N, C-alpha and C. Protein backbone atom coordinates (compact mmCIF):
# COMPACT_ATOMS: atom_id res chain seq x y z
N MET A 1 60.50 -2.48 63.19
CA MET A 1 59.96 -3.14 64.33
C MET A 1 58.48 -3.46 64.16
N SER A 2 57.91 -2.77 63.29
CA SER A 2 56.51 -2.95 63.04
C SER A 2 56.21 -4.39 62.61
N LYS A 3 57.09 -4.94 61.76
CA LYS A 3 56.87 -6.32 61.32
C LYS A 3 57.03 -7.27 62.50
N MET A 4 57.95 -7.01 63.41
CA MET A 4 58.16 -7.86 64.58
C MET A 4 56.95 -7.77 65.51
N CYS A 5 56.41 -6.60 65.62
CA CYS A 5 55.23 -6.42 66.47
C CYS A 5 54.02 -7.14 65.87
N ASP A 6 53.86 -7.04 64.56
CA ASP A 6 52.77 -7.74 63.87
C ASP A 6 52.93 -9.25 64.02
N MET A 7 54.17 -9.74 63.88
CA MET A 7 54.44 -11.18 64.00
C MET A 7 54.12 -11.66 65.42
N ALA A 8 54.46 -10.88 66.41
CA ALA A 8 54.18 -11.24 67.80
C ALA A 8 52.68 -11.32 68.03
N MET A 9 51.91 -10.40 67.46
CA MET A 9 50.45 -10.43 67.59
C MET A 9 49.86 -11.66 66.90
N ILE A 10 50.37 -11.99 65.75
CA ILE A 10 49.88 -13.16 65.02
C ILE A 10 50.17 -14.43 65.82
N ILE A 11 51.35 -14.52 66.40
CA ILE A 11 51.72 -15.69 67.22
C ILE A 11 50.80 -15.79 68.43
N ASP A 12 50.53 -14.67 69.08
CA ASP A 12 49.61 -14.67 70.23
C ASP A 12 48.21 -15.12 69.81
N GLU A 13 47.73 -14.63 68.67
CA GLU A 13 46.42 -15.02 68.17
C GLU A 13 46.37 -16.51 67.84
N LEU A 14 47.44 -17.04 67.25
CA LEU A 14 47.50 -18.48 66.94
C LEU A 14 47.46 -19.31 68.23
N ARG A 15 48.23 -18.87 69.23
CA ARG A 15 48.23 -19.60 70.51
C ARG A 15 46.84 -19.55 71.15
N SER A 16 46.20 -18.40 71.09
CA SER A 16 44.85 -18.25 71.65
C SER A 16 43.87 -19.16 70.90
N ALA A 17 43.99 -19.19 69.57
CA ALA A 17 43.12 -20.06 68.77
C ALA A 17 43.38 -21.52 69.09
N ALA A 18 44.66 -21.87 69.26
CA ALA A 18 45.01 -23.25 69.59
C ALA A 18 44.44 -23.64 70.95
N ALA A 19 44.48 -22.73 71.92
CA ALA A 19 43.93 -23.00 73.24
C ALA A 19 42.41 -23.21 73.16
N ALA A 20 41.74 -22.37 72.35
CA ALA A 20 40.29 -22.49 72.19
C ALA A 20 39.93 -23.81 71.52
N ILE A 21 40.71 -24.20 70.52
CA ILE A 21 40.46 -25.48 69.84
C ILE A 21 40.69 -26.64 70.82
N ASN A 22 41.72 -26.55 71.64
CA ASN A 22 42.00 -27.59 72.62
C ASN A 22 40.86 -27.70 73.63
N GLU A 23 40.33 -26.58 74.10
CA GLU A 23 39.20 -26.60 75.03
C GLU A 23 37.98 -27.23 74.37
N ALA A 24 37.71 -26.88 73.13
CA ALA A 24 36.57 -27.45 72.41
C ALA A 24 36.73 -28.95 72.23
N ALA A 25 37.95 -29.38 71.91
CA ALA A 25 38.21 -30.81 71.74
C ALA A 25 38.02 -31.54 73.06
N SER A 26 38.49 -30.96 74.15
CA SER A 26 38.32 -31.59 75.47
C SER A 26 36.85 -31.69 75.83
N TRP A 27 36.10 -30.64 75.56
CA TRP A 27 34.67 -30.66 75.85
C TRP A 27 33.95 -31.74 75.04
N LEU A 28 34.27 -31.82 73.75
CA LEU A 28 33.65 -32.84 72.90
C LEU A 28 34.01 -34.24 73.36
N ALA A 29 35.28 -34.43 73.73
CA ALA A 29 35.71 -35.75 74.20
C ALA A 29 34.93 -36.12 75.46
N GLY A 30 34.69 -35.16 76.33
CA GLY A 30 33.91 -35.42 77.55
C GLY A 30 32.47 -35.77 77.25
N GLN A 31 31.92 -35.15 76.21
CA GLN A 31 30.53 -35.41 75.85
C GLN A 31 30.32 -36.80 75.25
N PHE A 32 31.32 -37.29 74.55
CA PHE A 32 31.15 -38.55 73.83
C PHE A 32 31.96 -39.71 74.38
N SER A 33 32.58 -39.53 75.51
CA SER A 33 33.31 -40.63 76.12
C SER A 33 32.45 -41.25 77.19
N GLY A 34 32.36 -42.48 77.33
CA GLY A 34 31.65 -43.26 78.32
C GLY A 34 30.78 -42.53 79.31
N ASN A 35 30.61 -41.24 79.21
CA ASN A 35 29.77 -40.51 80.13
C ASN A 35 28.36 -40.31 79.57
N GLU A 36 28.00 -41.13 78.63
CA GLU A 36 26.68 -41.02 78.04
C GLU A 36 25.65 -41.42 79.08
N PRO A 37 24.51 -40.77 79.06
CA PRO A 37 23.48 -41.16 80.02
C PRO A 37 23.02 -42.58 79.71
N SER A 38 22.79 -43.35 80.74
CA SER A 38 22.35 -44.72 80.53
C SER A 38 20.92 -44.72 80.03
N PRO A 39 20.60 -45.67 79.17
CA PRO A 39 19.23 -45.73 78.66
C PRO A 39 18.26 -46.03 79.81
N GLU A 40 17.06 -45.53 79.67
CA GLU A 40 16.07 -45.79 80.71
C GLU A 40 15.75 -47.27 80.75
N PRO A 41 15.64 -47.84 81.94
CA PRO A 41 15.34 -49.28 82.03
C PRO A 41 13.95 -49.55 81.47
N ALA A 42 13.82 -50.72 80.89
CA ALA A 42 12.53 -51.13 80.36
C ALA A 42 11.55 -51.27 81.51
N PRO A 43 10.30 -50.95 81.28
CA PRO A 43 9.33 -51.09 82.37
C PRO A 43 9.23 -52.55 82.79
N ALA A 44 9.15 -52.75 84.08
CA ALA A 44 9.06 -54.12 84.61
C ALA A 44 7.69 -54.70 84.26
N GLU A 45 7.71 -55.98 83.99
CA GLU A 45 6.45 -56.65 83.71
C GLU A 45 5.64 -56.73 84.99
N PRO A 46 4.34 -56.58 84.88
CA PRO A 46 3.53 -56.68 86.08
C PRO A 46 3.61 -58.10 86.65
N VAL A 47 3.61 -58.16 87.96
CA VAL A 47 3.68 -59.46 88.63
C VAL A 47 2.31 -60.11 88.57
N LEU A 48 2.28 -61.35 88.15
CA LEU A 48 1.02 -62.07 88.08
C LEU A 48 0.62 -62.52 89.47
N SER A 49 -0.61 -62.26 89.83
CA SER A 49 -1.10 -62.70 91.14
C SER A 49 -1.76 -64.07 91.01
N LEU A 50 -1.90 -64.72 92.15
CA LEU A 50 -2.57 -66.02 92.18
C LEU A 50 -3.98 -65.89 91.62
N GLU A 51 -4.66 -64.80 91.97
CA GLU A 51 -6.04 -64.59 91.52
C GLU A 51 -6.11 -64.42 90.00
N ALA A 52 -5.15 -63.71 89.43
CA ALA A 52 -5.14 -63.50 87.98
C ALA A 52 -4.91 -64.82 87.25
N VAL A 53 -3.99 -65.62 87.76
CA VAL A 53 -3.72 -66.92 87.13
C VAL A 53 -4.93 -67.82 87.30
N ARG A 54 -5.52 -67.80 88.48
CA ARG A 54 -6.71 -68.63 88.74
C ARG A 54 -7.83 -68.28 87.76
N ALA A 55 -8.01 -67.00 87.45
CA ALA A 55 -9.06 -66.59 86.53
C ALA A 55 -8.81 -67.14 85.13
N VAL A 56 -7.57 -67.09 84.67
CA VAL A 56 -7.24 -67.62 83.35
C VAL A 56 -7.49 -69.12 83.30
N LEU A 57 -7.03 -69.82 84.34
CA LEU A 57 -7.21 -71.28 84.38
C LEU A 57 -8.69 -71.64 84.47
N ALA A 58 -9.47 -70.87 85.23
CA ALA A 58 -10.90 -71.15 85.36
C ALA A 58 -11.60 -70.99 84.02
N ASN A 59 -11.24 -69.95 83.27
CA ASN A 59 -11.85 -69.75 81.94
C ASN A 59 -11.54 -70.91 81.01
N LYS A 60 -10.30 -71.38 81.01
CA LYS A 60 -9.93 -72.51 80.15
C LYS A 60 -10.61 -73.79 80.61
N SER A 61 -10.74 -73.95 81.93
CA SER A 61 -11.40 -75.14 82.47
C SER A 61 -12.87 -75.17 82.04
N ARG A 62 -13.53 -74.01 82.11
CA ARG A 62 -14.94 -73.93 81.67
C ARG A 62 -15.06 -74.20 80.17
N ALA A 63 -13.98 -73.96 79.43
CA ALA A 63 -14.00 -74.20 77.99
C ALA A 63 -13.72 -75.67 77.66
N GLY A 64 -13.55 -76.50 78.68
CA GLY A 64 -13.39 -77.94 78.45
C GLY A 64 -11.96 -78.45 78.54
N PHE A 65 -11.07 -77.70 79.14
CA PHE A 65 -9.66 -78.10 79.21
C PHE A 65 -9.21 -78.48 80.62
N THR A 66 -10.14 -78.98 81.43
CA THR A 66 -9.81 -79.29 82.83
C THR A 66 -8.69 -80.33 82.92
N ALA A 67 -8.76 -81.37 82.13
CA ALA A 67 -7.73 -82.43 82.18
C ALA A 67 -6.36 -81.88 81.78
N GLN A 68 -6.32 -81.08 80.74
CA GLN A 68 -5.05 -80.50 80.30
C GLN A 68 -4.47 -79.55 81.37
N ILE A 69 -5.35 -78.81 82.03
CA ILE A 69 -4.89 -77.90 83.09
C ILE A 69 -4.31 -78.70 84.24
N ARG A 70 -4.95 -79.79 84.60
CA ARG A 70 -4.39 -80.66 85.67
C ARG A 70 -3.01 -81.17 85.28
N SER A 71 -2.85 -81.56 84.03
CA SER A 71 -1.55 -82.04 83.56
C SER A 71 -0.50 -80.93 83.63
N LEU A 72 -0.88 -79.71 83.28
CA LEU A 72 0.06 -78.59 83.36
C LEU A 72 0.44 -78.27 84.80
N LEU A 73 -0.53 -78.36 85.70
CA LEU A 73 -0.22 -78.14 87.12
C LEU A 73 0.80 -79.16 87.60
N GLN A 74 0.61 -80.40 87.20
CA GLN A 74 1.56 -81.46 87.58
C GLN A 74 2.93 -81.22 86.94
N LYS A 75 2.95 -80.69 85.73
CA LYS A 75 4.20 -80.36 85.07
C LYS A 75 5.02 -79.39 85.92
N TYR A 76 4.32 -78.48 86.61
CA TYR A 76 4.99 -77.51 87.47
C TYR A 76 5.06 -77.97 88.92
N GLY A 77 4.81 -79.25 89.16
CA GLY A 77 5.06 -79.84 90.48
C GLY A 77 3.98 -79.65 91.52
N ALA A 78 2.73 -79.52 91.10
CA ALA A 78 1.67 -79.34 92.08
C ALA A 78 0.39 -80.00 91.59
N ASP A 79 -0.48 -80.29 92.55
CA ASP A 79 -1.79 -80.83 92.21
C ASP A 79 -2.83 -79.73 92.11
N LYS A 80 -2.53 -78.59 92.71
CA LYS A 80 -3.45 -77.45 92.63
C LYS A 80 -2.65 -76.17 92.47
N LEU A 81 -3.32 -75.14 92.01
CA LEU A 81 -2.65 -73.89 91.68
C LEU A 81 -1.90 -73.30 92.87
N SER A 82 -2.43 -73.40 94.05
CA SER A 82 -1.77 -72.81 95.22
C SER A 82 -0.42 -73.46 95.50
N GLY A 83 -0.16 -74.62 94.92
CA GLY A 83 1.12 -75.30 95.11
C GLY A 83 2.18 -74.90 94.09
N ILE A 84 1.81 -74.08 93.12
CA ILE A 84 2.75 -73.64 92.07
C ILE A 84 3.59 -72.48 92.59
N ASP A 85 4.88 -72.52 92.32
CA ASP A 85 5.78 -71.41 92.66
C ASP A 85 5.38 -70.19 91.82
N PRO A 86 5.16 -69.03 92.45
CA PRO A 86 4.77 -67.83 91.69
C PRO A 86 5.75 -67.47 90.57
N ALA A 87 6.99 -67.90 90.67
CA ALA A 87 7.96 -67.64 89.61
C ALA A 87 7.57 -68.38 88.33
N ASN A 88 6.74 -69.40 88.44
CA ASN A 88 6.32 -70.19 87.27
C ASN A 88 4.97 -69.75 86.70
N TYR A 89 4.34 -68.72 87.29
CA TYR A 89 3.02 -68.30 86.82
C TYR A 89 3.03 -67.90 85.35
N LYS A 90 4.01 -67.13 84.94
CA LYS A 90 4.04 -66.66 83.55
C LYS A 90 4.16 -67.84 82.59
N ALA A 91 5.04 -68.78 82.90
CA ALA A 91 5.21 -69.96 82.04
C ALA A 91 3.93 -70.79 82.01
N LEU A 92 3.29 -70.92 83.15
CA LEU A 92 2.03 -71.69 83.22
C LEU A 92 0.97 -71.01 82.35
N ILE A 93 0.84 -69.70 82.47
CA ILE A 93 -0.13 -68.96 81.65
C ILE A 93 0.17 -69.15 80.16
N THR A 94 1.45 -69.10 79.81
CA THR A 94 1.84 -69.29 78.41
C THR A 94 1.41 -70.68 77.93
N ASP A 95 1.65 -71.69 78.77
CA ASP A 95 1.24 -73.06 78.41
C ASP A 95 -0.27 -73.17 78.27
N VAL A 96 -1.01 -72.57 79.20
CA VAL A 96 -2.47 -72.64 79.17
C VAL A 96 -3.01 -71.93 77.94
N GLU A 97 -2.43 -70.77 77.62
CA GLU A 97 -2.90 -70.03 76.44
C GLU A 97 -2.54 -70.76 75.15
N GLY A 98 -1.59 -71.68 75.22
CA GLY A 98 -1.20 -72.45 74.04
C GLY A 98 -2.11 -73.65 73.79
N LEU A 99 -3.03 -73.92 74.73
CA LEU A 99 -3.96 -75.03 74.50
C LEU A 99 -4.86 -74.67 73.33
N PRO A 100 -5.21 -75.68 72.52
CA PRO A 100 -6.04 -75.39 71.35
C PRO A 100 -7.40 -74.83 71.75
N HIS A 101 -7.97 -74.03 70.89
CA HIS A 101 -9.29 -73.48 71.14
C HIS A 101 -10.34 -74.55 70.95
N ALA A 102 -11.39 -74.48 71.78
CA ALA A 102 -12.48 -75.46 71.66
C ALA A 102 -13.19 -75.25 70.33
N THR A 103 -13.56 -76.34 69.71
CA THR A 103 -14.27 -76.24 68.42
C THR A 103 -15.68 -76.74 68.54
C-alpha cells in the first residue's frame, strides 16, 4: 500500500502544481492583455493670445515686412489682426516666421 500512498501524494502534488501554474498564467494574461495603462497624453500646446501674435507681427513689421504681413492677414480673411480667427494664429505665425530675413 505504500506505493499506492506515494502515488496518491505525487498526483496531489502534480494537481497542486498545475493549479499554481494555471493561476500564474491567468495573472500574466491579465497583466498583458489590453489592460495596459494608457500612455500619458502629450502636453497641450499653449494657446496663442492676440497679444502674443501682435508682438510677433509688430517685430516683423518693424523689420520691413509690413506689406507681406498685410498680404498674410488677407490670406486669412481679414484686414487687421483682430479679424483673424484665433484658430489660425499658429498658421499665421508660421507664415510670418517663414518670411525672409532682412538683409
